[in-house]
Amino acid sequence: MENDFNLIFKKQQNTTIKNKPLNQLKETKLKTSTAVKKEIKLININDILIQIENDNKIIESHNIISNKIDNLHIQLENYKNELSLLTTNDEYKYDPKCKYCCKRPWVCRINELQLNIEKINEDLIQQYSLIEVEDLNDLIETNEKNKIIKKSQEIFKFSNDNPLIHFARYSNYSGSNPDLAPHVDSFLEYPTYTFSIQLKTTKPEWIIRVDDHSFKLKENSCISFSGTHQIHSRDPIQFSDEDYCDIIVCQFTDNSYSSIKNDVSHQEIINNKFNIHRQKYRK
């Protein structure tokens, strides 16, 4: 099973992709205008309009928050640069215990900048807390799912209409520095393909590693691999409180693999690969 899957996956990775419309017409058995008319009558336009309105509200809210976060990052960077100039220049050195020194204009400015930076960090925490990850996942599920399915079928040439799709954000606001240790998606029962789509990030240099290959993803780019058969990780990197990395993860199981489970022999192979990978990249 392991060898067969690896051979098929390797062939699919080398597939030449041809451009196709994202929204292709579905196959239908409706052969008469009367049948088509009956099918159209089953569509509830009001439900669609309500869904569009709700989706637009989610998008608008997210865009407002995202723009605020971007502007706060710009302000924060400007304040930090100015503070660095004042605190690293010998001309602006002073004795903090001297009350006369503390009244000098540049000292007052240093204090003001420190307060501004502290305030912006607080504002960033507050704005990040407003991002509704569950709403975004629902939005992805209802509006982007078909596009992702079509693109995956173009690349992998398989059949699956029900992938696992979710949005994730890496940042210090999770409570610790982000770390994606070497792993496979062992919670998945069957051989699975993965799309990892890079959205906005302040860490474009954060390397994603798949087996012995490393990649730096640009925004709106994607890497595809087998989440159940290839060890994947992110190299250790330090995040500041202002850093973040947004991604969409899509996991697909080809319907033809529905009878093939990731059994004990598969786990033994993965354990061996895992140990080699960890020795190389996580000493």
Protein backbone atom coordinates (compact mmCIF):
# COMPACT_ATOMS: atom_id res chain seq x y z
CA MET A 1 0.00 0.00 0.00
CA GLU A 2 2.78 2.40 0.94
CA ASN A 3 4.70 1.87 -2.31
CA ASP A 4 1.55 2.13 -4.46
CA PHE A 5 0.51 5.39 -2.83
CA ASN A 6 3.99 6.92 -3.13
CA LEU A 7 4.17 5.95 -6.82
CA ILE A 8 0.76 7.48 -7.59
CA PHE A 9 1.57 10.63 -5.59
CA LYS A 10 4.89 11.05 -7.43
CA LYS A 11 3.15 10.77 -10.80
CA GLN A 12 0.54 13.31 -9.79
CA GLN A 13 3.22 15.74 -8.61
CA ASN A 14 4.66 15.68 -12.13
CA THR A 15 1.30 16.26 -13.84
CA THR A 16 1.23 19.11 -16.35
CA ILE A 17 -1.52 21.53 -15.38
CA LYS A 18 -3.81 23.04 -18.02
CA ASN A 19 -5.90 26.14 -17.36
CA LYS A 20 -9.56 25.46 -16.70
CA PRO A 21 -12.39 27.75 -15.57
CA LEU A 22 -12.84 27.71 -11.79
CA ASN A 23 -16.59 27.48 -12.16
CA GLN A 24 -17.20 24.66 -14.58
CA LEU A 25 -20.70 23.52 -15.44
CA LYS A 26 -21.76 20.49 -13.47
CA GLU A 27 -22.93 17.40 -15.29
CA THR A 28 -26.71 17.24 -15.32
CA LYS A 29 -29.40 14.84 -16.43
CA LEU A 30 -31.86 17.63 -17.17
CA LYS A 31 -32.60 17.29 -20.85
CA THR A 32 -35.68 19.43 -21.38
CA SER A 33 -36.55 23.06 -20.69
CA THR A 34 -39.41 21.90 -18.47
CA ALA A 35 -37.03 19.87 -16.29
CA VAL A 36 -34.67 22.82 -16.06
CA LYS A 37 -37.53 25.14 -15.09
CA LYS A 38 -38.64 22.75 -12.33
CA GLU A 39 -35.07 22.56 -11.01
CA ILE A 40 -34.74 26.36 -10.95
CA LYS A 41 -37.99 26.68 -9.00
CA LEU A 42 -36.46 24.61 -6.22
CA ILE A 43 -33.84 27.32 -5.62
CA ASN A 44 -34.77 29.64 -2.77
CA ILE A 45 -33.50 33.04 -3.87
CA ASN A 46 -34.24 34.61 -0.48
CA ASP A 47 -31.98 32.10 1.28
CA ILE A 48 -29.19 32.89 -1.18
CA LEU A 49 -29.61 36.65 -0.70
CA ILE A 50 -29.54 36.26 3.09
CA GLN A 51 -26.39 34.14 2.85
CA ILE A 52 -24.69 36.70 0.61
CA GLU A 53 -25.63 39.51 3.00
CA ASN A 54 -24.27 37.59 6.00
CA ASP A 55 -21.07 36.71 4.15
CA ASN A 56 -20.57 40.33 3.10
CA LYS A 57 -20.89 41.42 6.73
CA ILE A 58 -18.21 38.93 7.78
CA ILE A 59 -15.92 40.06 4.95
CA GLU A 60 -16.48 43.74 5.69
CA SER A 61 -15.85 43.27 9.41
CA HIS A 62 -12.68 41.27 8.76
CA ASN A 63 -11.38 43.83 6.24
CA ILE A 64 -11.97 46.70 8.68
CA ILE A 65 -10.08 44.88 11.44
CA SER A 66 -7.33 43.80 9.02
CA ASN A 67 -6.83 47.39 7.82
CA LYS A 68 -6.66 48.64 11.41
CA ILE A 69 -4.05 46.00 12.22
CA ASP A 70 -1.99 46.92 9.15
CA ASN A 71 -2.09 50.62 10.09
CA LEU A 72 -1.13 49.85 13.68
CA HIS A 73 1.85 47.82 12.47
CA ILE A 74 2.98 50.74 10.30
CA GLN A 75 2.68 53.18 13.22
CA LEU A 76 4.47 50.77 15.51
CA GLU A 77 7.36 50.35 13.09
CA ASN A 78 7.72 54.14 12.72
CA TYR A 79 7.73 54.68 16.48
CA LYS A 80 10.27 51.90 17.00
CA ASN A 81 12.58 53.31 14.34
CA GLU A 82 12.41 56.78 15.87
CA LEU A 83 12.98 55.40 19.37
CA SER A 84 15.97 53.42 18.13
CA LEU A 85 17.54 56.56 16.66
CA LEU A 86 17.15 58.43 19.94
CA THR A 87 18.33 55.64 22.23
CA THR A 88 21.33 54.50 20.18
CA ASN A 89 22.75 57.93 19.33
CA ASP A 90 25.45 59.11 21.76
CA GLU A 91 24.24 62.70 21.33
CA TYR A 92 21.03 61.83 23.16
CA LYS A 93 22.49 60.00 26.13
CA TYR A 94 21.31 61.29 29.51
CA ASP A 95 21.21 60.48 33.19
CA PRO A 96 17.68 59.25 34.04
CA LYS A 97 18.27 60.27 37.66
CA CYS A 98 18.91 63.88 36.70
CA LYS A 99 15.65 65.85 36.83
CA TYR A 100 17.05 68.55 34.54
CA CYS A 101 18.12 65.98 31.95
CA CYS A 102 14.67 64.38 32.04
CA LYS A 103 13.09 67.68 30.97
CA ARG A 104 15.07 67.92 27.75
CA PRO A 105 12.90 67.70 24.59
CA TRP A 106 14.39 64.45 23.24
CA VAL A 107 14.02 62.76 26.63
CA CYS A 108 10.36 63.74 26.71
CA ARG A 109 10.04 62.38 23.19
CA ILE A 110 11.64 59.07 24.23
CA ASN A 111 9.12 58.72 27.05
CA GLU A 112 6.29 59.62 24.69
CA LEU A 113 7.43 57.03 22.13
CA GLN A 114 7.63 54.31 24.77
CA LEU A 115 4.07 55.08 25.85
CA ASN A 116 2.89 55.10 22.23
CA ILE A 117 4.50 51.72 21.56
CA GLU A 118 2.91 50.25 24.67
CA LYS A 119 -0.49 51.62 23.65
CA ILE A 120 -0.24 50.25 20.11
CA ASN A 121 0.69 46.80 21.40
CA GLU A 122 -2.42 46.89 23.58
CA ASP A 123 -4.49 47.99 20.58
CA LEU A 124 -3.07 45.14 18.49
CA ILE A 125 -4.02 42.57 21.11
CA GLN A 126 -7.53 44.02 21.19
CA GLN A 127 -7.88 44.00 17.38
CA TYR A 128 -6.55 40.44 17.04
CA SER A 129 -9.08 39.31 19.64
CA LEU A 130 -11.89 40.62 17.39
CA ILE A 131 -11.00 38.30 14.52
CA GLU A 132 -13.66 35.60 14.42
CA VAL A 133 -11.79 32.51 13.23
CA GLU A 134 -14.95 30.40 13.29
CA ASP A 135 -16.78 32.90 11.06
CA LEU A 136 -13.85 32.90 8.64
CA ASN A 137 -13.88 29.10 8.55
CA ASP A 138 -17.61 29.15 7.81
CA LEU A 139 -17.02 31.69 5.06
CA ILE A 140 -14.27 29.58 3.52
CA GLU A 141 -16.48 26.53 3.77
CA THR A 142 -19.46 28.12 2.04
CA ASN A 143 -17.77 30.34 -0.58
CA GLU A 144 -14.29 29.06 -1.38
CA LYS A 145 -14.74 25.32 -1.01
CA ASN A 146 -15.79 24.67 -4.61
CA LYS A 147 -12.87 26.71 -5.99
CA ILE A 148 -10.41 24.77 -3.85
CA ILE A 149 -11.95 21.44 -4.83
CA LYS A 150 -11.73 22.28 -8.55
CA LYS A 151 -8.11 23.39 -8.28
CA SER A 152 -7.16 20.27 -6.32
CA GLN A 153 -8.81 18.06 -8.93
CA GLU A 154 -6.85 19.83 -11.65
CA ILE A 155 -3.56 19.18 -9.88
CA PHE A 156 -4.07 15.76 -8.29
CA LYS A 157 -6.60 14.29 -10.75
CA PHE A 158 -8.66 12.67 -8.01
CA SER A 159 -12.26 12.67 -6.84
CA ASN A 160 -13.27 14.13 -3.48
CA ASP A 161 -16.02 16.65 -2.85
CA ASN A 162 -15.72 16.94 0.93
CA PRO A 163 -12.24 18.15 1.99
CA LEU A 164 -11.32 19.38 5.45
CA ILE A 165 -10.69 23.13 5.15
CA HIS A 166 -9.80 25.55 7.94
CA PHE A 167 -8.17 28.92 8.57
CA ALA A 168 -5.31 29.24 11.07
CA ARG A 169 -3.27 32.12 12.47
CA TYR A 170 0.20 31.72 14.01
CA SER A 171 1.04 34.47 16.50
CA ASN A 172 2.16 35.07 20.08
CA TYR A 173 -1.45 35.81 20.96
CA SER A 174 -1.99 32.07 21.19
CA GLY A 175 0.02 32.23 24.44
CA SER A 176 3.45 31.08 23.22
CA ASN A 177 5.86 31.47 20.33
CA PRO A 178 4.47 29.60 17.27
CA ASP A 179 6.13 26.28 16.58
CA LEU A 180 5.15 23.61 14.06
CA ALA A 181 7.24 20.61 15.06
CA PRO A 182 7.95 17.75 12.61
CA HIS A 183 4.85 15.57 12.26
CA VAL A 184 2.41 13.80 9.99
CA ASP A 185 -1.35 14.18 10.24
CA SER A 186 -1.81 10.96 12.18
CA PHE A 187 -5.40 11.80 13.15
CA LEU A 188 -6.41 11.16 9.51
CA GLU A 189 -7.46 7.60 8.89
CA TYR A 190 -6.77 7.40 5.15
CA PRO A 191 -3.99 8.57 2.78
CA THR A 192 -4.45 12.32 2.44
CA TYR A 193 -3.23 15.19 0.27
CA THR A 194 -2.71 18.64 1.75
CA PHE A 195 -2.81 22.17 0.36
CA SER A 196 -1.19 24.78 2.61
CA ILE A 197 -2.16 28.21 1.26
CA GLN A 198 -0.16 31.22 2.46
CA LEU A 199 -2.22 34.31 3.24
CA LYS A 200 -0.91 37.50 4.87
CA THR A 201 2.21 37.21 7.01
CA THR A 202 4.92 39.34 8.60
CA LYS A 203 7.24 36.33 8.45
CA PRO A 204 7.71 35.49 4.74
CA GLU A 205 11.08 33.98 5.65
CA TRP A 206 9.47 31.30 7.83
CA ILE A 207 10.50 28.07 6.13
CA ILE A 208 8.10 25.18 5.69
CA ARG A 209 9.88 21.84 5.36
CA VAL A 210 8.47 18.72 3.68
CA ASP A 211 10.73 15.68 4.07
CA ASP A 212 14.12 16.99 2.87
CA HIS A 213 12.74 19.91 0.86
CA SER A 214 12.37 23.46 2.16
CA PHE A 215 10.13 26.24 0.86
CA LYS A 216 9.45 29.93 1.49
CA LEU A 217 5.89 30.71 0.52
CA LYS A 218 4.86 34.07 -0.87
CA GLU A 219 1.44 35.49 -0.05
CA ASN A 220 -1.29 33.80 -2.11
CA SER A 221 0.97 30.89 -2.99
CA CYS A 222 0.47 27.28 -2.05
CA ILE A 223 2.42 24.11 -1.35
CA SER A 224 0.95 20.63 -1.91
CA PHE A 225 2.12 17.40 -0.29
CA SER A 226 0.78 14.32 1.46
CA GLY A 227 0.02 15.24 5.07
CA THR A 228 -0.21 11.57 6.07
CA HIS A 229 2.88 10.31 4.25
CA GLN A 230 5.40 13.15 4.33
CA ILE A 231 7.00 14.63 7.44
CA HIS A 232 6.30 18.37 7.48
CA SER A 233 7.24 21.19 9.83
CA ARG A 234 8.22 24.85 10.10
CA ASP A 235 11.76 25.75 11.04
CA PRO A 236 12.09 27.35 14.51
CA ILE A 237 11.77 31.13 14.34
CA GLN A 238 11.15 33.88 16.88
CA PHE A 239 7.89 35.83 16.63
CA SER A 240 7.51 39.28 18.16
CA ASP A 241 4.14 40.32 19.54
CA GLU A 242 3.49 42.13 16.25
CA ASP A 243 4.19 39.13 14.00
CA TYR A 244 1.60 36.80 12.53
CA CYS A 245 1.19 34.20 9.80
CA ASP A 246 -2.23 33.39 8.31
CA ILE A 247 -2.84 30.21 6.33
CA ILE A 248 -5.63 28.05 4.95
CA VAL A 249 -5.10 24.30 5.25
CA CYS A 250 -7.02 21.94 2.95
CA GLN A 251 -6.90 18.16 3.37
CA PHE A 252 -8.26 15.75 0.75
CA THR A 253 -8.66 11.99 0.58
CA ASP A 254 -9.09 10.49 -2.87
CA ASN A 255 -12.30 8.47 -2.96
CA SER A 256 -10.33 5.60 -4.47
CA TYR A 257 -8.36 5.37 -1.19
CA SER A 258 -11.47 5.06 0.98
CA SER A 259 -10.77 1.35 1.50
CA ILE A 260 -7.07 1.88 2.33
CA LYS A 261 -6.32 2.70 5.94
CA ASN A 262 -3.07 4.00 7.42
CA ASP A 263 -2.21 0.76 9.22
CA VAL A 264 0.56 -0.37 11.58
CA SER A 265 3.07 -0.96 8.78
CA HIS A 266 2.48 2.60 7.56
CA GLN A 267 3.08 3.92 11.09
CA GLU A 268 6.38 2.02 11.35
CA ILE A 269 7.62 3.62 8.12
CA ILE A 270 6.53 7.07 9.32
CA ASN A 271 8.21 6.60 12.70
CA ASN A 272 11.49 5.80 10.97
CA LYS A 273 11.19 8.84 8.67
CA PHE A 274 10.24 10.99 11.65
CA ASN A 275 13.36 10.04 13.63
CA ILE A 276 15.64 10.79 10.66
CA HIS A 277 13.90 14.11 10.02
CA ARG A 278 14.14 15.22 13.64
CA GLN A 279 17.85 14.37 13.86
CA LYS A 280 18.52 16.46 10.75
CA TYR A 281 16.40 19.53 11.47
CA ARG A 282 15.51 19.63 15.18
CA LYS A 283 18.69 18.88 17.09
